[in-house]
């Protein structure tokens, strides 16, 4: 019994030693000011686009038979590449609806960053740490690219209000589980 107790304490301690992830920047609520890019063609069905980038860097330090990797994983809302064609949105309600849909794209990027942080912080890295890190990023990035595509397909780029509401509920639940009480503070901003 005592041995199992030691293992339970020892395993989390080892995981903390194996890799360290950077702290995430705070969750962001988008505003119209976040869309500074040049709008796409007026004949397009798309009236807004959110452009986010997730970048990662890490340094590795050998330790016995494993490596300690320190990660920096940043999410950037690219304001100059994100755009909203306000001329095609007839009123404040239309702007709010599109802003809510675009918030979903940002939320997906935020969820991806959080999953990356959790995954690398729970991974034991050995001699092949570079291949493992790349595989983690590629796998998680592919998952969230598909989620973004599913989001636009299901909501028909926010036109299908029933599906948009379903996704809004999904985002609220997921973000509340990630952010706890901080989600409500961010949602009120």
C-alpha atoms as a PDB file:
ATOM      1  CA  UNK A   1       0.000   0.000   0.000  1.00  0.00           C
ATOM      2  CA  UNK A   2       2.780   2.415   0.869  1.00  0.00           C
ATOM      3  CA  UNK A   3       4.520   1.677  -2.414  1.00  0.00           C
ATOM      4  CA  UNK A   4       1.446   2.584  -4.483  1.00  0.00           C
ATOM      5  CA  UNK A   5       1.108   5.847  -2.584  1.00  0.00           C
ATOM      6  CA  UNK A   6       4.725   6.674  -3.386  1.00  0.00           C
ATOM      7  CA  UNK A   7       4.119   5.953  -7.068  1.00  0.00           C
ATOM      8  CA  UNK A   8       1.090   8.214  -7.184  1.00  0.00           C
ATOM      9  CA  UNK A   9       3.139  11.093  -5.823  1.00  0.00           C
ATOM     10  CA  UNK A  10       6.207  10.219  -7.859  1.00  0.00           C
ATOM     11  CA  UNK A  11       4.504  10.036 -11.288  1.00  0.00           C
ATOM     12  CA  UNK A  12       3.045  13.591 -11.251  1.00  0.00           C
ATOM     13  CA  UNK A  13       6.367  14.885  -9.953  1.00  0.00           C
ATOM     14  CA  UNK A  14       8.182  13.202 -12.839  1.00  0.00           C
ATOM     15  CA  UNK A  15       5.729  14.633 -15.353  1.00  0.00           C
ATOM     16  CA  UNK A  16       6.409  18.110 -14.015  1.00  0.00           C
ATOM     17  CA  UNK A  17      10.142  17.503 -14.385  1.00  0.00           C
ATOM     18  CA  UNK A  18       9.977  16.039 -17.892  1.00  0.00           C
ATOM     19  CA  UNK A  19       8.508  19.058 -19.595  1.00  0.00           C
ATOM     20  CA  UNK A  20       7.411  22.554 -18.778  1.00  0.00           C
ATOM     21  CA  UNK A  21       4.914  24.514 -20.830  1.00  0.00           C
ATOM     22  CA  UNK A  22       4.609  28.267 -21.044  1.00  0.00           C
ATOM     23  CA  UNK A  23       1.681  30.026 -19.459  1.00  0.00           C
ATOM     24  CA  UNK A  24      -1.088  30.891 -21.836  1.00  0.00           C
ATOM     25  CA  UNK A  25      -2.083  34.459 -22.475  1.00  0.00           C
ATOM     26  CA  UNK A  26      -5.565  35.368 -21.259  1.00  0.00           C
ATOM     27  CA  UNK A  27      -8.657  34.472 -23.229  1.00  0.00           C
ATOM     28  CA  UNK A  28      -9.797  37.293 -25.523  1.00  0.00           C
ATOM     29  CA  UNK A  29     -13.237  38.553 -26.441  1.00  0.00           C
ATOM     30  CA  UNK A  30     -13.166  39.918 -29.976  1.00  0.00           C
ATOM     31  CA  UNK A  31     -14.415  43.363 -30.894  1.00  0.00           C
ATOM     32  CA  UNK A  32     -14.905  45.074 -34.243  1.00  0.00           C
ATOM     33  CA  UNK A  33     -11.545  46.780 -33.624  1.00  0.00           C
ATOM     34  CA  UNK A  34      -9.824  43.393 -33.956  1.00  0.00           C
ATOM     35  CA  UNK A  35     -10.701  43.333 -37.665  1.00  0.00           C
ATOM     36  CA  UNK A  36      -8.347  45.792 -39.353  1.00  0.00           C
ATOM     37  CA  UNK A  37      -7.557  43.904 -42.561  1.00  0.00           C
ATOM     38  CA  UNK A  38      -8.845  44.739 -46.019  1.00  0.00           C
ATOM     39  CA  UNK A  39     -12.214  43.039 -46.672  1.00  0.00           C
ATOM     40  CA  UNK A  40     -12.413  40.312 -49.291  1.00  0.00           C
ATOM     41  CA  UNK A  41     -14.307  40.652 -52.558  1.00  0.00           C
ATOM     42  CA  UNK A  42     -17.779  42.161 -52.298  1.00  0.00           C
ATOM     43  CA  UNK A  43     -19.233  39.360 -54.451  1.00  0.00           C
ATOM     44  CA  UNK A  44     -18.116  36.720 -51.919  1.00  0.00           C
ATOM     45  CA  UNK A  45     -20.601  35.115 -49.514  1.00  0.00           C
ATOM     46  CA  UNK A  46     -18.041  35.625 -46.744  1.00  0.00           C
ATOM     47  CA  UNK A  47     -18.413  38.935 -44.883  1.00  0.00           C
ATOM     48  CA  UNK A  48     -15.674  38.412 -42.287  1.00  0.00           C
ATOM     49  CA  UNK A  49     -12.545  36.408 -41.656  1.00  0.00           C
ATOM     50  CA  UNK A  50     -10.634  35.737 -38.457  1.00  0.00           C
ATOM     51  CA  UNK A  51      -6.947  34.979 -38.824  1.00  0.00           C
ATOM     52  CA  UNK A  52      -5.141  33.464 -35.843  1.00  0.00           C
ATOM     53  CA  UNK A  53      -1.669  31.987 -35.623  1.00  0.00           C
ATOM     54  CA  UNK A  54      -0.324  29.517 -33.112  1.00  0.00           C
ATOM     55  CA  UNK A  55       3.441  29.521 -32.868  1.00  0.00           C
ATOM     56  CA  UNK A  56       5.576  27.247 -30.795  1.00  0.00           C
ATOM     57  CA  UNK A  57       9.194  27.163 -29.765  1.00  0.00           C
ATOM     58  CA  UNK A  58      11.007  25.046 -27.308  1.00  0.00           C
ATOM     59  CA  UNK A  59      14.384  24.407 -25.837  1.00  0.00           C
ATOM     60  CA  UNK A  60      15.586  20.983 -24.757  1.00  0.00           C
ATOM     61  CA  UNK A  61      17.868  20.013 -21.934  1.00  0.00           C
ATOM     62  CA  UNK A  62      19.060  16.418 -21.423  1.00  0.00           C
ATOM     63  CA  UNK A  63      18.374  14.898 -18.028  1.00  0.00           C
ATOM     64  CA  UNK A  64      19.316  11.229 -17.416  1.00  0.00           C
ATOM     65  CA  UNK A  65      17.416   9.171 -20.037  1.00  0.00           C
ATOM     66  CA  UNK A  66      14.926  11.862 -21.051  1.00  0.00           C
ATOM     67  CA  UNK A  67      14.809  15.515 -22.082  1.00  0.00           C
ATOM     68  CA  UNK A  68      13.213  18.443 -20.338  1.00  0.00           C
ATOM     69  CA  UNK A  69      11.533  20.638 -22.934  1.00  0.00           C
ATOM     70  CA  UNK A  70      10.484  24.181 -22.148  1.00  0.00           C
ATOM     71  CA  UNK A  71       7.767  25.323 -24.542  1.00  0.00           C
ATOM     72  CA  UNK A  72       6.458  28.700 -25.554  1.00  0.00           C
ATOM     73  CA  UNK A  73       3.144  28.337 -27.351  1.00  0.00           C
ATOM     74  CA  UNK A  74       1.534  31.616 -28.356  1.00  0.00           C
ATOM     75  CA  UNK A  75      -1.792  32.407 -29.926  1.00  0.00           C
ATOM     76  CA  UNK A  76      -1.952  35.612 -31.944  1.00  0.00           C
ATOM     77  CA  UNK A  77      -5.085  37.229 -33.291  1.00  0.00           C
ATOM     78  CA  UNK A  78      -3.738  38.731 -36.512  1.00  0.00           C
ATOM     79  CA  UNK A  79      -5.721  41.964 -36.622  1.00  0.00           C
ATOM     80  CA  UNK A  80      -4.232  43.112 -39.934  1.00  0.00           C
ATOM     81  CA  UNK A  81      -5.168  39.836 -41.630  1.00  0.00           C
ATOM     82  CA  UNK A  82      -8.604  39.584 -40.034  1.00  0.00           C
ATOM     83  CA  UNK A  83     -11.393  41.563 -41.618  1.00  0.00           C
ATOM     84  CA  UNK A  84     -15.087  42.356 -41.419  1.00  0.00           C
ATOM     85  CA  UNK A  85     -16.901  44.046 -44.277  1.00  0.00           C
ATOM     86  CA  UNK A  86     -19.091  46.445 -42.289  1.00  0.00           C
ATOM     87  CA  UNK A  87     -20.542  47.905 -45.506  1.00  0.00           C
ATOM     88  CA  UNK A  88     -22.326  44.588 -46.089  1.00  0.00           C
ATOM     89  CA  UNK A  89     -23.721  44.377 -42.563  1.00  0.00           C
ATOM     90  CA  UNK A  90     -26.903  46.478 -42.472  1.00  0.00           C
ATOM     91  CA  UNK A  91     -27.260  47.019 -38.721  1.00  0.00           C
ATOM     92  CA  UNK A  92     -25.785  46.476 -35.250  1.00  0.00           C
ATOM     93  CA  UNK A  93     -27.580  43.126 -34.870  1.00  0.00           C
ATOM     94  CA  UNK A  94     -25.947  41.818 -38.064  1.00  0.00           C
ATOM     95  CA  UNK A  95     -22.526  43.009 -36.859  1.00  0.00           C
ATOM     96  CA  UNK A  96     -23.102  41.322 -33.483  1.00  0.00           C
ATOM     97  CA  UNK A  97     -24.099  38.060 -35.186  1.00  0.00           C
ATOM     98  CA  UNK A  98     -21.004  38.004 -37.375  1.00  0.00           C
ATOM     99  CA  UNK A  99     -18.797  38.989 -34.453  1.00  0.00           C
ATOM    100  CA  UNK A 100     -20.240  36.088 -32.456  1.00  0.00           C
ATOM    101  CA  UNK A 101     -19.497  33.683 -35.319  1.00  0.00           C
ATOM    102  CA  UNK A 102     -15.948  34.985 -35.686  1.00  0.00           C
ATOM    103  CA  UNK A 103     -15.495  34.633 -31.919  1.00  0.00           C
ATOM    104  CA  UNK A 104     -16.097  30.929 -32.507  1.00  0.00           C
ATOM    105  CA  UNK A 105     -13.101  30.778 -34.836  1.00  0.00           C
ATOM    106  CA  UNK A 106     -10.958  32.489 -32.217  1.00  0.00           C
ATOM    107  CA  UNK A 107     -12.326  30.105 -29.565  1.00  0.00           C
ATOM    108  CA  UNK A 108     -11.259  27.126 -31.679  1.00  0.00           C
ATOM    109  CA  UNK A 109      -7.735  28.563 -31.914  1.00  0.00           C
ATOM    110  CA  UNK A 110      -7.696  29.155 -28.164  1.00  0.00           C
ATOM    111  CA  UNK A 111      -8.850  25.590 -27.529  1.00  0.00           C
ATOM    112  CA  UNK A 112      -6.066  24.322 -29.802  1.00  0.00           C
ATOM    113  CA  UNK A 113      -3.453  26.300 -27.901  1.00  0.00           C
ATOM    114  CA  UNK A 114      -4.741  24.962 -24.598  1.00  0.00           C
ATOM    115  CA  UNK A 115      -4.685  21.358 -25.824  1.00  0.00           C
ATOM    116  CA  UNK A 116      -1.137  21.817 -27.085  1.00  0.00           C
ATOM    117  CA  UNK A 117      -0.053  23.193 -23.710  1.00  0.00           C
ATOM    118  CA  UNK A 118      -1.724  20.315 -21.829  1.00  0.00           C
ATOM    119  CA  UNK A 119      -0.334  17.667 -24.149  1.00  0.00           C
ATOM    120  CA  UNK A 120       3.291  18.777 -24.127  1.00  0.00           C
ATOM    121  CA  UNK A 121       3.216  19.251 -20.377  1.00  0.00           C
ATOM    122  CA  UNK A 122       2.171  15.605 -19.976  1.00  0.00           C
ATOM    123  CA  UNK A 123       4.586  14.108 -22.500  1.00  0.00           C
ATOM    124  CA  UNK A 124       7.837  12.396 -21.616  1.00  0.00           C
ATOM    125  CA  UNK A 125      10.419  13.321 -24.244  1.00  0.00           C
ATOM    126  CA  UNK A 126      13.349  11.072 -25.077  1.00  0.00           C
ATOM    127  CA  UNK A 127      16.094  11.217 -27.754  1.00  0.00           C
ATOM    128  CA  UNK A 128      13.479  11.599 -30.503  1.00  0.00           C
ATOM    129  CA  UNK A 129      11.963  14.676 -28.812  1.00  0.00           C
ATOM    130  CA  UNK A 130      11.978  16.754 -31.999  1.00  0.00           C
ATOM    131  CA  UNK A 131       9.961  14.193 -33.997  1.00  0.00           C
ATOM    132  CA  UNK A 132       7.574  13.676 -31.068  1.00  0.00           C
ATOM    133  CA  UNK A 133       7.020  17.428 -30.615  1.00  0.00           C
ATOM    134  CA  UNK A 134       6.371  17.912 -34.347  1.00  0.00           C
ATOM    135  CA  UNK A 135       3.973  14.949 -34.396  1.00  0.00           C
ATOM    136  CA  UNK A 136       2.030  16.382 -31.444  1.00  0.00           C
ATOM    137  CA  UNK A 137       1.705  19.778 -33.100  1.00  0.00           C
ATOM    138  CA  UNK A 138       0.761  18.313 -36.485  1.00  0.00           C
ATOM    139  CA  UNK A 139      -1.877  15.982 -34.992  1.00  0.00           C
ATOM    140  CA  UNK A 140      -3.516  18.635 -32.836  1.00  0.00           C
ATOM    141  CA  UNK A 141      -3.364  21.284 -35.564  1.00  0.00           C
ATOM    142  CA  UNK A 142      -5.084  18.922 -38.032  1.00  0.00           C
ATOM    143  CA  UNK A 143      -7.816  18.226 -35.468  1.00  0.00           C
ATOM    144  CA  UNK A 144      -8.573  21.931 -35.023  1.00  0.00           C
ATOM    145  CA  UNK A 145      -8.371  22.753 -38.733  1.00  0.00           C
ATOM    146  CA  UNK A 146     -11.083  20.142 -39.222  1.00  0.00           C
ATOM    147  CA  UNK A 147     -13.076  21.594 -36.319  1.00  0.00           C
ATOM    148  CA  UNK A 148     -12.913  25.039 -37.960  1.00  0.00           C
ATOM    149  CA  UNK A 149     -14.141  23.576 -41.236  1.00  0.00           C
ATOM    150  CA  UNK A 150     -16.948  21.670 -39.487  1.00  0.00           C
ATOM    151  CA  UNK A 151     -17.954  24.872 -37.673  1.00  0.00           C
ATOM    152  CA  UNK A 152     -18.322  26.833 -40.919  1.00  0.00           C
ATOM    153  CA  UNK A 153     -20.036  23.932 -42.702  1.00  0.00           C
ATOM    154  CA  UNK A 154     -22.528  23.279 -39.889  1.00  0.00           C
ATOM    155  CA  UNK A 155     -23.394  26.939 -39.355  1.00  0.00           C
ATOM    156  CA  UNK A 156     -23.222  27.803 -43.059  1.00  0.00           C
ATOM    157  CA  UNK A 157     -20.906  30.653 -41.998  1.00  0.00           C
ATOM    158  CA  UNK A 158     -23.400  31.744 -39.298  1.00  0.00           C
ATOM    159  CA  UNK A 159     -26.477  31.692 -41.591  1.00  0.00           C
ATOM    160  CA  UNK A 160     -27.933  28.605 -39.872  1.00  0.00           C
ATOM    161  CA  UNK A 161     -28.914  30.138 -36.531  1.00  0.00           C
ATOM    162  CA  UNK A 162     -29.920  26.824 -34.925  1.00  0.00           C
ATOM    163  CA  UNK A 163     -26.523  25.298 -35.630  1.00  0.00           C
ATOM    164  CA  UNK A 164     -24.789  28.535 -34.630  1.00  0.00           C
ATOM    165  CA  UNK A 165     -26.564  28.368 -31.276  1.00  0.00           C
ATOM    166  CA  UNK A 166     -25.480  24.726 -30.819  1.00  0.00           C
ATOM    167  CA  UNK A 167     -21.872  25.699 -31.452  1.00  0.00           C
ATOM    168  CA  UNK A 168     -22.169  28.713 -29.129  1.00  0.00           C
ATOM    169  CA  UNK A 169     -23.304  26.367 -26.340  1.00  0.00           C
ATOM    170  CA  UNK A 170     -20.419  23.994 -27.132  1.00  0.00           C
ATOM    171  CA  UNK A 171     -17.892  26.847 -26.985  1.00  0.00           C
ATOM    172  CA  UNK A 172     -19.322  28.186 -23.714  1.00  0.00           C
ATOM    173  CA  UNK A 173     -19.142  24.764 -22.047  1.00  0.00           C
ATOM    174  CA  UNK A 174     -15.674  23.993 -23.340  1.00  0.00           C
ATOM    175  CA  UNK A 175     -14.257  27.388 -22.431  1.00  0.00           C
ATOM    176  CA  UNK A 176     -15.907  27.324 -19.016  1.00  0.00           C
ATOM    177  CA  UNK A 177     -14.170  23.999 -18.336  1.00  0.00           C
ATOM    178  CA  UNK A 178     -10.838  25.470 -19.488  1.00  0.00           C
ATOM    179  CA  UNK A 179     -11.125  28.849 -17.792  1.00  0.00           C
ATOM    180  CA  UNK A 180     -13.410  28.184 -14.819  1.00  0.00           C
ATOM    181  CA  UNK A 181     -14.739  31.369 -13.266  1.00  0.00           C
ATOM    182  CA  UNK A 182     -12.404  33.393 -15.498  1.00  0.00           C
ATOM    183  CA  UNK A 183     -14.619  32.477 -18.454  1.00  0.00           C
ATOM    184  CA  UNK A 184     -17.554  34.443 -17.054  1.00  0.00           C
ATOM    185  CA  UNK A 185     -15.347  37.468 -16.421  1.00  0.00           C
ATOM    186  CA  UNK A 186     -14.050  37.306 -20.003  1.00  0.00           C
ATOM    187  CA  UNK A 187     -17.540  36.725 -21.415  1.00  0.00           C
ATOM    188  CA  UNK A 188     -18.842  39.841 -19.668  1.00  0.00           C
ATOM    189  CA  UNK A 189     -16.174  42.075 -21.236  1.00  0.00           C
END
